[in-house]
Amino acid sequence: MPHTDPGEATSSVLSYLDIPAWPQLPKRSFLENMYAQFSEGFPGIVIDGERAYVDRSQDLDEQLGRLYTAYLDNDVDGHGVSPEYAAGLHALLARKVEKAVKGQVTGPISFGLTVTDQNRRALLYDEVLADALAKHLRLKASWQERMLREVSPNTIIFVDEPYMASFGSAFFSLSREKVVTLLEEVLGGIKGLKGVHCCANTDWSVLLSTSVDILSLDAYSYAQPLSLYPAEVNSFLERGGVIAWGIVPSSEASLDEETMESLTERLEEAMGLLTTKGIPFELLIRRSLITPSCGLGSLSIEAATRALELTRGVSREFRKRYLRDG
């Protein structure tokens, strides 16, 4: 969210969303940047202005040892996210919420490609630090889920992976098996519902092959590529999976052009790409969530509020049209 006031941002998501997510506030502080936000406590981490990196020149053995001990003991107490790094999370934790709640953690692929060592080598290509990073994020996700369950017994934790858009390119040298292994390490720390979000095109079969319950995508721009994987999508839905359709755009220019009616039609067309491949429309409807396409942090507060209004509007219209009990 674009706010700097965590209370205001939290009130907004609670007002508009059936499943409120705690708001990340990158305009408030660089510490709330999605990569800095979950770096707190990682061995050798340095925050220098608006850069987060690991100083690999120092001896990290003791810090890595503490991390692995916590991981083996499933001791999440020392792996929380402080209010300085996530004011919106702590603002939501202070509220009474009578709904399911959603949290999120940056995924190991995106974190590992963005955060580097002191020589600007991506952590993902340091075998020791990549493994440690996945375990660190697992503990962060577990701690967050435990805290959110004090607010609501029904929780969803997402692993955000925008850099999965690079998978298969010349700039991405990790194997499919390694990607899945790192993702599953983090997902394994989540007891309740778990999701993954990628806001660009990727090889969706990779994410659909993991243990996630919810697949979140930018359906406003990338619905067609998902339809290239009908067998994988159908298997995912048949096992109880849910698609979070990010049909509400997260750019001000696109928001100015759209209405609740136009986005509802766009979502029907997006689902139609899968129904033409043999996936029952009723199954899609029953296993769908409606969301913004991506984070709203770069928008004005007014535009972000409109995006939330449209999200609520499309959801209500779909339920009105297709769910008699909705």
C-alpha atoms as a PDB file:
ATOM      1  CA  MET A   1       0.000   0.000   0.000  1.00  0.00           C
ATOM      2  CA  PRO A   2       1.194   3.592  -0.664  1.00  0.00           C
ATOM      3  CA  HIS A   3       0.436   4.903   2.822  1.00  0.00           C
ATOM      4  CA  THR A   4       2.991   5.984   5.393  1.00  0.00           C
ATOM      5  CA  ASP A   5       0.474   5.712   8.253  1.00  0.00           C
ATOM      6  CA  PRO A   6       0.134   2.010   9.155  1.00  0.00           C
ATOM      7  CA  GLY A   7      -3.165   2.539  10.946  1.00  0.00           C
ATOM      8  CA  GLU A   8      -4.720   4.209   7.925  1.00  0.00           C
ATOM      9  CA  ALA A   9      -3.448   1.511   5.567  1.00  0.00           C
ATOM     10  CA  THR A  10      -4.741  -1.256   7.819  1.00  0.00           C
ATOM     11  CA  SER A  11      -8.159   0.364   8.105  1.00  0.00           C
ATOM     12  CA  SER A  12      -8.342   0.536   4.325  1.00  0.00           C
ATOM     13  CA  VAL A  13      -7.661  -3.161   3.716  1.00  0.00           C
ATOM     14  CA  LEU A  14     -10.017  -4.149   6.541  1.00  0.00           C
ATOM     15  CA  SER A  15     -12.762  -1.993   5.016  1.00  0.00           C
ATOM     16  CA  TYR A  16     -12.588  -3.319   1.469  1.00  0.00           C
ATOM     17  CA  LEU A  17     -11.257  -6.867   1.502  1.00  0.00           C
ATOM     18  CA  ASP A  18     -13.045 -10.055   2.542  1.00  0.00           C
ATOM     19  CA  ILE A  19      -9.597 -11.485   3.281  1.00  0.00           C
ATOM     20  CA  PRO A  20      -7.467  -8.564   4.486  1.00  0.00           C
ATOM     21  CA  ALA A  21      -3.711  -8.690   4.032  1.00  0.00           C
ATOM     22  CA  TRP A  22      -1.398  -6.803   6.319  1.00  0.00           C
ATOM     23  CA  PRO A  23      -0.088  -3.827   4.337  1.00  0.00           C
ATOM     24  CA  GLN A  24       3.557  -3.473   3.360  1.00  0.00           C
ATOM     25  CA  LEU A  25       4.470   0.232   3.307  1.00  0.00           C
ATOM     26  CA  PRO A  26       7.547   0.806   1.106  1.00  0.00           C
ATOM     27  CA  LYS A  27       7.010   4.590   1.015  1.00  0.00           C
ATOM     28  CA  ARG A  28       7.297   4.695   4.787  1.00  0.00           C
ATOM     29  CA  SER A  29      10.837   3.309   4.912  1.00  0.00           C
ATOM     30  CA  PHE A  30      13.328   1.339   2.829  1.00  0.00           C
ATOM     31  CA  LEU A  31      13.133  -1.273   5.581  1.00  0.00           C
ATOM     32  CA  GLU A  32       9.639  -2.055   4.237  1.00  0.00           C
ATOM     33  CA  ASN A  33      10.973  -2.762   0.775  1.00  0.00           C
ATOM     34  CA  MET A  34      10.002  -6.406   0.164  1.00  0.00           C
ATOM     35  CA  TYR A  35      13.636  -7.520   0.162  1.00  0.00           C
ATOM     36  CA  ALA A  36      14.866  -5.517   3.135  1.00  0.00           C
ATOM     37  CA  GLN A  37      11.707  -6.345   5.077  1.00  0.00           C
ATOM     38  CA  PHE A  38      12.544 -10.009   5.608  1.00  0.00           C
ATOM     39  CA  SER A  39      16.312  -9.609   5.785  1.00  0.00           C
ATOM     40  CA  GLU A  40      16.257  -8.796   9.497  1.00  0.00           C
ATOM     41  CA  GLY A  41      18.485 -11.249  11.352  1.00  0.00           C
ATOM     42  CA  PHE A  42      19.965 -12.966   8.297  1.00  0.00           C
ATOM     43  CA  PRO A  43      23.681 -13.818   8.753  1.00  0.00           C
ATOM     44  CA  GLY A  44      25.926 -10.978   7.605  1.00  0.00           C
ATOM     45  CA  ILE A  45      23.109  -8.734   6.419  1.00  0.00           C
ATOM     46  CA  VAL A  46      23.924  -5.045   5.969  1.00  0.00           C
ATOM     47  CA  ILE A  47      21.416  -2.278   5.254  1.00  0.00           C
ATOM     48  CA  ASP A  48      23.301   0.599   3.669  1.00  0.00           C
ATOM     49  CA  GLY A  49      21.008   3.420   2.644  1.00  0.00           C
ATOM     50  CA  GLU A  50      18.706   1.807   0.107  1.00  0.00           C
ATOM     51  CA  ARG A  51      20.744  -1.312  -0.445  1.00  0.00           C
ATOM     52  CA  ALA A  52      20.575  -4.629   1.388  1.00  0.00           C
ATOM     53  CA  TYR A  53      23.511  -6.991   1.001  1.00  0.00           C
ATOM     54  CA  VAL A  54      25.421  -9.717   2.838  1.00  0.00           C
ATOM     55  CA  ASP A  55      29.001  -9.027   3.897  1.00  0.00           C
ATOM     56  CA  ARG A  56      30.552 -12.350   2.953  1.00  0.00           C
ATOM     57  CA  SER A  57      34.026 -11.132   3.917  1.00  0.00           C
ATOM     58  CA  GLN A  58      33.283 -11.626   7.610  1.00  0.00           C
ATOM     59  CA  ASP A  59      33.178 -14.985   9.362  1.00  0.00           C
ATOM     60  CA  LEU A  60      29.527 -16.041   9.227  1.00  0.00           C
ATOM     61  CA  ASP A  61      29.954 -19.477  10.797  1.00  0.00           C
ATOM     62  CA  GLU A  62      28.573 -18.541  14.209  1.00  0.00           C
ATOM     63  CA  GLN A  63      25.550 -16.719  12.768  1.00  0.00           C
ATOM     64  CA  LEU A  64      24.845 -19.551  10.334  1.00  0.00           C
ATOM     65  CA  GLY A  65      25.144 -22.011  13.193  1.00  0.00           C
ATOM     66  CA  ARG A  66      22.484 -20.146  15.182  1.00  0.00           C
ATOM     67  CA  LEU A  67      20.204 -20.098  12.145  1.00  0.00           C
ATOM     68  CA  TYR A  68      20.526 -23.837  11.557  1.00  0.00           C
ATOM     69  CA  THR A  69      19.991 -24.595  15.246  1.00  0.00           C
ATOM     70  CA  ALA A  70      16.785 -22.539  15.223  1.00  0.00           C
ATOM     71  CA  TYR A  71      15.701 -24.299  12.041  1.00  0.00           C
ATOM     72  CA  LEU A  72      16.303 -27.784  13.466  1.00  0.00           C
ATOM     73  CA  ASP A  73      14.496 -26.857  16.694  1.00  0.00           C
ATOM     74  CA  ASN A  74      11.727 -25.033  14.803  1.00  0.00           C
ATOM     75  CA  ASP A  75      12.440 -22.111  17.123  1.00  0.00           C
ATOM     76  CA  VAL A  76      10.774 -19.121  15.459  1.00  0.00           C
ATOM     77  CA  ASP A  77      10.968 -16.742  18.417  1.00  0.00           C
ATOM     78  CA  GLY A  78      14.166 -15.100  17.241  1.00  0.00           C
ATOM     79  CA  HIS A  79      12.990 -14.763  13.642  1.00  0.00           C
ATOM     80  CA  GLY A  80      10.152 -12.297  13.890  1.00  0.00           C
ATOM     81  CA  VAL A  81       9.644  -9.132  11.877  1.00  0.00           C
ATOM     82  CA  SER A  82       9.870  -6.039  14.070  1.00  0.00           C
ATOM     83  CA  PRO A  83       7.574  -2.989  13.808  1.00  0.00           C
ATOM     84  CA  GLU A  84      10.461  -1.022  12.315  1.00  0.00           C
ATOM     85  CA  TYR A  85      10.431  -3.402   9.341  1.00  0.00           C
ATOM     86  CA  ALA A  86       6.678  -4.111   9.103  1.00  0.00           C
ATOM     87  CA  ALA A  87       4.526  -1.462  10.751  1.00  0.00           C
ATOM     88  CA  GLY A  88       1.439  -2.658   8.877  1.00  0.00           C
ATOM     89  CA  LEU A  89       1.782  -6.194  10.221  1.00  0.00           C
ATOM     90  CA  HIS A  90       1.919  -4.964  13.787  1.00  0.00           C
ATOM     91  CA  ALA A  91      -0.970  -2.567  13.164  1.00  0.00           C
ATOM     92  CA  LEU A  92      -3.104  -5.495  11.991  1.00  0.00           C
ATOM     93  CA  LEU A  93      -2.030  -7.624  14.942  1.00  0.00           C
ATOM     94  CA  ALA A  94      -3.402  -4.912  17.240  1.00  0.00           C
ATOM     95  CA  ARG A  95      -6.867  -5.086  15.634  1.00  0.00           C
ATOM     96  CA  LYS A  96      -9.803  -7.386  16.215  1.00  0.00           C
ATOM     97  CA  VAL A  97     -10.420  -9.197  12.940  1.00  0.00           C
ATOM     98  CA  GLU A  98     -13.426 -11.425  12.325  1.00  0.00           C
ATOM     99  CA  LYS A  99     -12.181 -12.633   8.949  1.00  0.00           C
ATOM    100  CA  ALA A 100      -9.463 -14.815   7.547  1.00  0.00           C
ATOM    101  CA  VAL A 101      -6.210 -12.884   7.247  1.00  0.00           C
ATOM    102  CA  LYS A 102      -3.368 -13.042   4.753  1.00  0.00           C
ATOM    103  CA  GLY A 103       0.332 -12.535   5.301  1.00  0.00           C
ATOM    104  CA  GLN A 104       3.257 -12.693   2.926  1.00  0.00           C
ATOM    105  CA  VAL A 105       6.964 -13.321   2.798  1.00  0.00           C
ATOM    106  CA  THR A 106       9.393 -12.691  -0.043  1.00  0.00           C
ATOM    107  CA  GLY A 107      10.272 -15.935  -1.790  1.00  0.00           C
ATOM    108  CA  PRO A 108      13.777 -17.433  -1.870  1.00  0.00           C
ATOM    109  CA  ILE A 109      14.173 -17.065  -5.649  1.00  0.00           C
ATOM    110  CA  SER A 110      13.300 -13.371  -5.762  1.00  0.00           C
ATOM    111  CA  PHE A 111      15.162 -12.580  -2.538  1.00  0.00           C
ATOM    112  CA  GLY A 112      18.172 -14.596  -3.659  1.00  0.00           C
ATOM    113  CA  LEU A 113      18.391 -12.862  -7.039  1.00  0.00           C
ATOM    114  CA  THR A 114      17.918  -9.350  -5.654  1.00  0.00           C
ATOM    115  CA  VAL A 115      20.034  -9.385  -2.502  1.00  0.00           C
ATOM    116  CA  THR A 116      23.740  -9.890  -3.176  1.00  0.00           C
ATOM    117  CA  ASP A 117      26.993 -10.198  -1.304  1.00  0.00           C
ATOM    118  CA  GLN A 118      29.392  -7.263  -0.974  1.00  0.00           C
ATOM    119  CA  ASN A 119      30.711  -7.990  -4.469  1.00  0.00           C
ATOM    120  CA  ARG A 120      27.204  -7.907  -5.973  1.00  0.00           C
ATOM    121  CA  ARG A 121      27.014 -11.635  -6.534  1.00  0.00           C
ATOM    122  CA  ALA A 122      23.419 -12.829  -6.077  1.00  0.00           C
ATOM    123  CA  LEU A 123      22.909 -14.936  -2.953  1.00  0.00           C
ATOM    124  CA  LEU A 124      21.031 -17.482  -5.032  1.00  0.00           C
ATOM    125  CA  TYR A 125      24.302 -18.561  -6.629  1.00  0.00           C
ATOM    126  CA  ASP A 126      26.082 -19.038  -3.295  1.00  0.00           C
ATOM    127  CA  GLU A 127      25.155 -22.609  -2.364  1.00  0.00           C
ATOM    128  CA  VAL A 128      25.602 -22.073   1.381  1.00  0.00           C
ATOM    129  CA  LEU A 129      23.723 -18.780   1.556  1.00  0.00           C
ATOM    130  CA  ALA A 130      20.927 -19.914  -0.775  1.00  0.00           C
ATOM    131  CA  ASP A 131      20.174 -22.863   1.503  1.00  0.00           C
ATOM    132  CA  ALA A 132      20.425 -20.661   4.593  1.00  0.00           C
ATOM    133  CA  LEU A 133      18.146 -18.098   2.993  1.00  0.00           C
ATOM    134  CA  ALA A 134      15.372 -20.617   2.365  1.00  0.00           C
ATOM    135  CA  LYS A 135      15.554 -21.762   5.988  1.00  0.00           C
ATOM    136  CA  HIS A 136      15.592 -18.149   7.209  1.00  0.00           C
ATOM    137  CA  LEU A 137      12.451 -17.343   5.194  1.00  0.00           C
ATOM    138  CA  ARG A 138      10.790 -20.528   6.412  1.00  0.00           C
ATOM    139  CA  LEU A 139      11.256 -19.380  10.005  1.00  0.00           C
ATOM    140  CA  LYS A 140       9.949 -15.905   9.103  1.00  0.00           C
ATOM    141  CA  ALA A 141       6.840 -17.424   7.521  1.00  0.00           C
ATOM    142  CA  SER A 142       6.250 -19.715  10.518  1.00  0.00           C
ATOM    143  CA  TRP A 143       6.596 -16.856  12.988  1.00  0.00           C
ATOM    144  CA  GLN A 144       4.243 -14.680  10.965  1.00  0.00           C
ATOM    145  CA  GLU A 145       1.616 -17.403  10.706  1.00  0.00           C
ATOM    146  CA  ARG A 146       1.751 -17.968  14.454  1.00  0.00           C
ATOM    147  CA  MET A 147       1.276 -14.261  15.135  1.00  0.00           C
ATOM    148  CA  LEU A 148      -1.587 -13.878  12.654  1.00  0.00           C
ATOM    149  CA  ARG A 149      -3.384 -16.817  14.260  1.00  0.00           C
ATOM    150  CA  GLU A 150      -3.695 -14.707  17.381  1.00  0.00           C
ATOM    151  CA  VAL A 151      -5.883 -12.408  15.268  1.00  0.00           C
ATOM    152  CA  SER A 152      -7.757 -15.048  13.271  1.00  0.00           C
ATOM    153  CA  PRO A 153      -7.719 -18.864  13.276  1.00  0.00           C
ATOM    154  CA  ASN A 154      -7.915 -18.799   9.485  1.00  0.00           C
ATOM    155  CA  THR A 155      -4.664 -17.685   7.874  1.00  0.00           C
ATOM    156  CA  ILE A 156      -3.103 -17.621   4.437  1.00  0.00           C
ATOM    157  CA  ILE A 157       0.609 -17.042   3.930  1.00  0.00           C
ATOM    158  CA  PHE A 158       1.861 -16.167   0.468  1.00  0.00           C
ATOM    159  CA  VAL A 159       5.373 -16.582  -0.871  1.00  0.00           C
ATOM    160  CA  ASP A 160       5.928 -13.689  -3.290  1.00  0.00           C
ATOM    161  CA  GLU A 161       8.063 -14.601  -6.301  1.00  0.00           C
ATOM    162  CA  PRO A 162       8.096 -11.837  -8.942  1.00  0.00           C
ATOM    163  CA  TYR A 163      11.517 -12.970 -10.178  1.00  0.00           C
ATOM    164  CA  MET A 164      10.112 -16.330 -11.257  1.00  0.00           C
ATOM    165  CA  ALA A 165       9.442 -14.386 -14.457  1.00  0.00           C
ATOM    166  CA  SER A 166      13.163 -14.891 -15.171  1.00  0.00           C
ATOM    167  CA  PHE A 167      12.938 -18.684 -14.962  1.00  0.00           C
ATOM    168  CA  GLY A 168      14.125 -20.284 -18.182  1.00  0.00           C
ATOM    169  CA  SER A 169      15.885 -17.171 -19.429  1.00  0.00           C
ATOM    170  CA  ALA A 170      19.591 -16.751 -20.108  1.00  0.00           C
ATOM    171  CA  PHE A 171      19.833 -14.763 -16.876  1.00  0.00           C
ATOM    172  CA  PHE A 172      18.569 -17.624 -14.700  1.00  0.00           C
ATOM    173  CA  SER A 173      20.776 -20.673 -14.305  1.00  0.00           C
ATOM    174  CA  LEU A 174      18.985 -22.629 -11.563  1.00  0.00           C
ATOM    175  CA  SER A 175      17.342 -25.933 -12.462  1.00  0.00           C
ATOM    176  CA  ARG A 176      13.634 -26.603 -12.074  1.00  0.00           C
ATOM    177  CA  GLU A 177      14.408 -29.107  -9.304  1.00  0.00           C
ATOM    178  CA  LYS A 178      16.443 -26.572  -7.331  1.00  0.00           C
ATOM    179  CA  VAL A 179      13.721 -23.937  -7.645  1.00  0.00           C
ATOM    180  CA  VAL A 180      11.099 -26.353  -6.343  1.00  0.00           C
ATOM    181  CA  THR A 181      13.379 -27.486  -3.504  1.00  0.00           C
ATOM    182  CA  LEU A 182      13.962 -23.912  -2.313  1.00  0.00           C
ATOM    183  CA  LEU A 183      10.271 -23.039  -2.559  1.00  0.00           C
ATOM    184  CA  GLU A 184       9.210 -26.167  -0.711  1.00  0.00           C
ATOM    185  CA  GLU A 185      11.668 -25.383   2.071  1.00  0.00           C
ATOM    186  CA  VAL A 186       9.805 -22.145   2.753  1.00  0.00           C
ATOM    187  CA  LEU A 187       6.337 -23.604   2.154  1.00  0.00           C
ATOM    188  CA  GLY A 188       7.116 -26.390   4.590  1.00  0.00           C
ATOM    189  CA  GLY A 189       7.058 -23.907   7.459  1.00  0.00           C
ATOM    190  CA  ILE A 190       3.430 -22.948   6.776  1.00  0.00           C
ATOM    191  CA  LYS A 191       0.799 -25.106   8.478  1.00  0.00           C
ATOM    192  CA  GLY A 192      -2.317 -23.440   7.133  1.00  0.00           C
ATOM    193  CA  LEU A 193      -3.224 -22.340   3.634  1.00  0.00           C
ATOM    194  CA  LYS A 194      -0.241 -21.294   1.559  1.00  0.00           C
ATOM    195  CA  GLY A 195       0.036 -19.501  -1.744  1.00  0.00           C
ATOM    196  CA  VAL A 196       2.553 -18.255  -4.253  1.00  0.00           C
ATOM    197  CA  HIS A 197       2.351 -15.031  -6.240  1.00  0.00           C
ATOM    198  CA  CYS A 198       4.102 -14.162  -9.497  1.00  0.00           C
ATOM    199  CA  CYS A 199       3.077 -10.894 -11.137  1.00  0.00           C
ATOM    200  CA  ALA A 200       4.501 -11.648 -14.585  1.00  0.00           C
ATOM    201  CA  ASN A 201       4.706 -14.574 -16.994  1.00  0.00           C
ATOM    202  CA  THR A 202       6.561 -17.700 -15.952  1.00  0.00           C
ATOM    203  CA  ASP A 203       6.585 -21.454 -16.451  1.00  0.00           C
ATOM    204  CA  TRP A 204       3.398 -21.987 -14.454  1.00  0.00           C
ATOM    205  CA  SER A 205       3.923 -25.745 -14.367  1.00  0.00           C
ATOM    206  CA  VAL A 206       6.771 -25.199 -11.900  1.00  0.00           C
ATOM    207  CA  LEU A 207       4.644 -23.334  -9.383  1.00  0.00           C
ATOM    208  CA  LEU A 208       1.662 -25.643  -9.930  1.00  0.00           C
ATOM    209  CA  SER A 209       3.874 -28.631  -9.091  1.00  0.00           C
ATOM    210  CA  THR A 210       4.579 -27.343  -5.586  1.00  0.00           C
ATOM    211  CA  SER A 211       2.440 -27.894  -2.483  1.00  0.00           C
ATOM    212  CA  VAL A 212       0.719 -24.485  -2.708  1.00  0.00           C
ATOM    213  CA  ASP A 213      -3.009 -24.198  -2.145  1.00  0.00           C
ATOM    214  CA  ILE A 214      -3.375 -20.868  -3.979  1.00  0.00           C
ATOM    215  CA  LEU A 215      -1.787 -19.699  -7.225  1.00  0.00           C
ATOM    216  CA  SER A 216      -1.842 -15.908  -7.583  1.00  0.00           C
ATOM    217  CA  LEU A 217      -1.168 -14.220 -10.905  1.00  0.00           C
ATOM    218  CA  ASP A 218      -1.528 -10.938 -12.761  1.00  0.00           C
ATOM    219  CA  ALA A 219      -4.596 -12.041 -14.705  1.00  0.00           C
ATOM    220  CA  TYR A 220      -5.045  -8.538 -16.104  1.00  0.00           C
ATOM    221  CA  SER A 221      -1.927  -8.961 -18.252  1.00  0.00           C
ATOM    222  CA  TYR A 222      -0.946 -12.646 -18.131  1.00  0.00           C
ATOM    223  CA  ALA A 223      -4.096 -14.782 -18.202  1.00  0.00           C
ATOM    224  CA  GLN A 224      -3.327 -16.187 -21.645  1.00  0.00           C
ATOM    225  CA  PRO A 225       0.018 -17.813 -20.715  1.00  0.00           C
ATOM    226  CA  LEU A 226      -1.641 -19.691 -17.830  1.00  0.00           C
ATOM    227  CA  SER A 227      -4.044 -21.279 -20.325  1.00  0.00           C
ATOM    228  CA  LEU A 228      -1.055 -22.990 -21.961  1.00  0.00           C
ATOM    229  CA  TYR A 229      -0.973 -25.384 -18.972  1.00  0.00           C
ATOM    230  CA  PRO A 230      -4.531 -26.798 -18.884  1.00  0.00           C
ATOM    231  CA  ALA A 231      -3.583 -30.246 -17.579  1.00  0.00           C
ATOM    232  CA  GLU A 232      -1.540 -28.795 -14.727  1.00  0.00           C
ATOM    233  CA  VAL A 233      -4.233 -26.237 -13.867  1.00  0.00           C
ATOM    234  CA  ASN A 234      -6.956 -28.886 -13.894  1.00  0.00           C
ATOM    235  CA  SER A 235      -4.936 -31.199 -11.630  1.00  0.00           C
ATOM    236  CA  PHE A 236      -4.284 -28.283  -9.284  1.00  0.00           C
ATOM    237  CA  LEU A 237      -7.978 -27.392  -9.073  1.00  0.00           C
ATOM    238  CA  GLU A 238      -9.041 -31.026  -8.690  1.00  0.00           C
ATOM    239  CA  ARG A 239      -6.795 -31.441  -5.661  1.00  0.00           C
ATOM    240  CA  GLY A 240      -8.434 -28.412  -4.047  1.00  0.00           C
ATOM    241  CA  GLY A 241      -6.249 -25.633  -5.386  1.00  0.00           C
ATOM    242  CA  VAL A 242      -7.487 -22.068  -5.807  1.00  0.00           C
ATOM    243  CA  ILE A 243      -6.567 -19.464  -8.414  1.00  0.00           C
ATOM    244  CA  ALA A 244      -6.267 -15.867  -7.200  1.00  0.00           C
ATOM    245  CA  TRP A 245      -7.117 -13.846 -10.283  1.00  0.00           C
ATOM    246  CA  GLY A 246      -5.280 -10.518 -10.160  1.00  0.00           C
ATOM    247  CA  ILE A 247      -7.756  -8.918 -12.524  1.00  0.00           C
ATOM    248  CA  VAL A 248      -7.645  -5.393 -11.076  1.00  0.00           C
ATOM    249  CA  PRO A 249      -4.676  -3.521 -12.564  1.00  0.00           C
ATOM    250  CA  SER A 250      -2.055  -1.961 -10.321  1.00  0.00           C
ATOM    251  CA  SER A 251      -1.184   0.991 -12.566  1.00  0.00           C
ATOM    252  CA  GLU A 252      -2.984   4.322 -12.383  1.00  0.00           C
ATOM    253  CA  ALA A 253      -3.302   4.618 -16.161  1.00  0.00           C
ATOM    254  CA  SER A 254      -5.072   1.253 -16.424  1.00  0.00           C
ATOM    255  CA  LEU A 255      -7.246   1.930 -13.388  1.00  0.00           C
ATOM    256  CA  ASP A 256      -8.492   5.111 -15.056  1.00  0.00           C
ATOM    257  CA  GLU A 257      -9.675   3.088 -18.050  1.00  0.00           C
ATOM    258  CA  GLU A 258     -11.496   0.299 -16.214  1.00  0.00           C
ATOM    259  CA  THR A 259     -14.813  -0.161 -14.447  1.00  0.00           C
ATOM    260  CA  MET A 260     -16.255  -2.968 -12.387  1.00  0.00           C
ATOM    261  CA  GLU A 261     -18.215  -4.094 -15.447  1.00  0.00           C
ATOM    262  CA  SER A 262     -15.220  -4.049 -17.799  1.00  0.00           C
ATOM    263  CA  LEU A 263     -13.066  -5.986 -15.353  1.00  0.00           C
ATOM    264  CA  THR A 264     -15.809  -8.544 -14.757  1.00  0.00           C
ATOM    265  CA  GLU A 265     -15.980  -9.138 -18.512  1.00  0.00           C
ATOM    266  CA  ARG A 266     -12.202  -9.333 -18.700  1.00  0.00           C
ATOM    267  CA  LEU A 267     -12.168 -11.974 -15.962  1.00  0.00           C
ATOM    268  CA  GLU A 268     -14.869 -13.987 -17.723  1.00  0.00           C
ATOM    269  CA  GLU A 269     -12.705 -13.909 -20.859  1.00  0.00           C
ATOM    270  CA  ALA A 270      -9.637 -14.981 -18.859  1.00  0.00           C
ATOM    271  CA  MET A 271     -11.505 -17.934 -17.390  1.00  0.00           C
ATOM    272  CA  GLY A 272     -12.851 -18.722 -20.854  1.00  0.00           C
ATOM    273  CA  LEU A 273      -9.307 -19.394 -22.032  1.00  0.00           C
ATOM    274  CA  LEU A 274      -9.252 -22.344 -19.633  1.00  0.00           C
ATOM    275  CA  THR A 275     -12.815 -23.541 -20.199  1.00  0.00           C
ATOM    276  CA  THR A 276     -12.061 -23.915 -23.907  1.00  0.00           C
ATOM    277  CA  LYS A 277      -9.288 -26.319 -22.828  1.00  0.00           C
ATOM    278  CA  GLY A 278     -11.803 -28.503 -20.995  1.00  0.00           C
ATOM    279  CA  ILE A 279     -11.714 -27.080 -17.457  1.00  0.00           C
ATOM    280  CA  PRO A 280     -15.298 -26.748 -16.144  1.00  0.00           C
ATOM    281  CA  PHE A 281     -16.382 -23.153 -15.596  1.00  0.00           C
ATOM    282  CA  GLU A 282     -18.204 -24.131 -12.400  1.00  0.00           C
ATOM    283  CA  LEU A 283     -14.966 -25.565 -10.995  1.00  0.00           C
ATOM    284  CA  LEU A 284     -13.097 -22.363 -11.825  1.00  0.00           C
ATOM    285  CA  ILE A 285     -15.755 -20.203 -10.191  1.00  0.00           C
ATOM    286  CA  ARG A 286     -15.789 -22.262  -7.010  1.00  0.00           C
ATOM    287  CA  ARG A 287     -12.018 -22.187  -6.756  1.00  0.00           C
ATOM    288  CA  SER A 288     -11.312 -18.526  -7.358  1.00  0.00           C
ATOM    289  CA  LEU A 289     -10.306 -15.448  -5.433  1.00  0.00           C
ATOM    290  CA  ILE A 290     -10.369 -11.906  -6.830  1.00  0.00           C
ATOM    291  CA  THR A 291      -7.352  -9.689  -6.139  1.00  0.00           C
ATOM    292  CA  PRO A 292      -5.401  -6.733  -7.468  1.00  0.00           C
ATOM    293  CA  SER A 293      -2.814  -7.799 -10.041  1.00  0.00           C
ATOM    294  CA  CYS A 294       0.119  -6.855  -7.827  1.00  0.00           C
ATOM    295  CA  GLY A 295       1.092  -4.561  -4.976  1.00  0.00           C
ATOM    296  CA  LEU A 296      -0.399  -1.075  -4.890  1.00  0.00           C
ATOM    297  CA  GLY A 297       2.551   0.613  -3.191  1.00  0.00           C
ATOM    298  CA  SER A 298       3.583   2.719  -6.189  1.00  0.00           C
ATOM    299  CA  LEU A 299       0.150   4.310  -6.593  1.00  0.00           C
ATOM    300  CA  SER A 300      -1.403   7.353  -4.988  1.00  0.00           C
ATOM    301  CA  ILE A 301      -3.601   6.613  -1.995  1.00  0.00           C
ATOM    302  CA  GLU A 302      -6.641   7.572  -4.063  1.00  0.00           C
ATOM    303  CA  ALA A 303      -5.733   5.138  -6.857  1.00  0.00           C
ATOM    304  CA  ALA A 304      -4.966   2.353  -4.391  1.00  0.00           C
ATOM    305  CA  THR A 305      -8.362   2.874  -2.773  1.00  0.00           C
ATOM    306  CA  ARG A 306     -10.027   2.679  -6.181  1.00  0.00           C
ATOM    307  CA  ALA A 307      -8.202  -0.602  -6.844  1.00  0.00           C
ATOM    308  CA  LEU A 308      -9.577  -2.024  -3.597  1.00  0.00           C
ATOM    309  CA  GLU A 309     -13.069  -0.780  -4.472  1.00  0.00           C
ATOM    310  CA  LEU A 310     -12.872  -2.479  -7.864  1.00  0.00           C
ATOM    311  CA  THR A 311     -11.603  -5.695  -6.293  1.00  0.00           C
ATOM    312  CA  ARG A 312     -14.580  -5.778  -3.975  1.00  0.00           C
ATOM    313  CA  GLY A 313     -16.933  -4.853  -6.811  1.00  0.00           C
ATOM    314  CA  VAL A 314     -15.779  -7.579  -9.201  1.00  0.00           C
ATOM    315  CA  SER A 315     -15.964 -10.182  -6.430  1.00  0.00           C
ATOM    316  CA  ARG A 316     -19.517  -9.218  -5.530  1.00  0.00           C
ATOM    317  CA  GLU A 317     -20.616  -9.166  -9.165  1.00  0.00           C
ATOM    318  CA  PHE A 318     -19.189 -12.630  -9.805  1.00  0.00           C
ATOM    319  CA  ARG A 319     -20.905 -14.048  -6.766  1.00  0.00           C
ATOM    320  CA  LYS A 320     -24.160 -12.410  -7.817  1.00  0.00           C
ATOM    321  CA  ARG A 321     -23.938 -13.863 -11.321  1.00  0.00           C
ATOM    322  CA  TYR A 322     -22.654 -17.345 -10.636  1.00  0.00           C
ATOM    323  CA  LEU A 323     -23.023 -18.358  -6.993  1.00  0.00           C
ATOM    324  CA  ARG A 324     -26.588 -18.684  -5.830  1.00  0.00           C
ATOM    325  CA  ASP A 325     -25.381 -19.226  -2.273  1.00  0.00           C
ATOM    326  CA  GLY A 326     -22.853 -16.349  -2.502  1.00  0.00           C
END
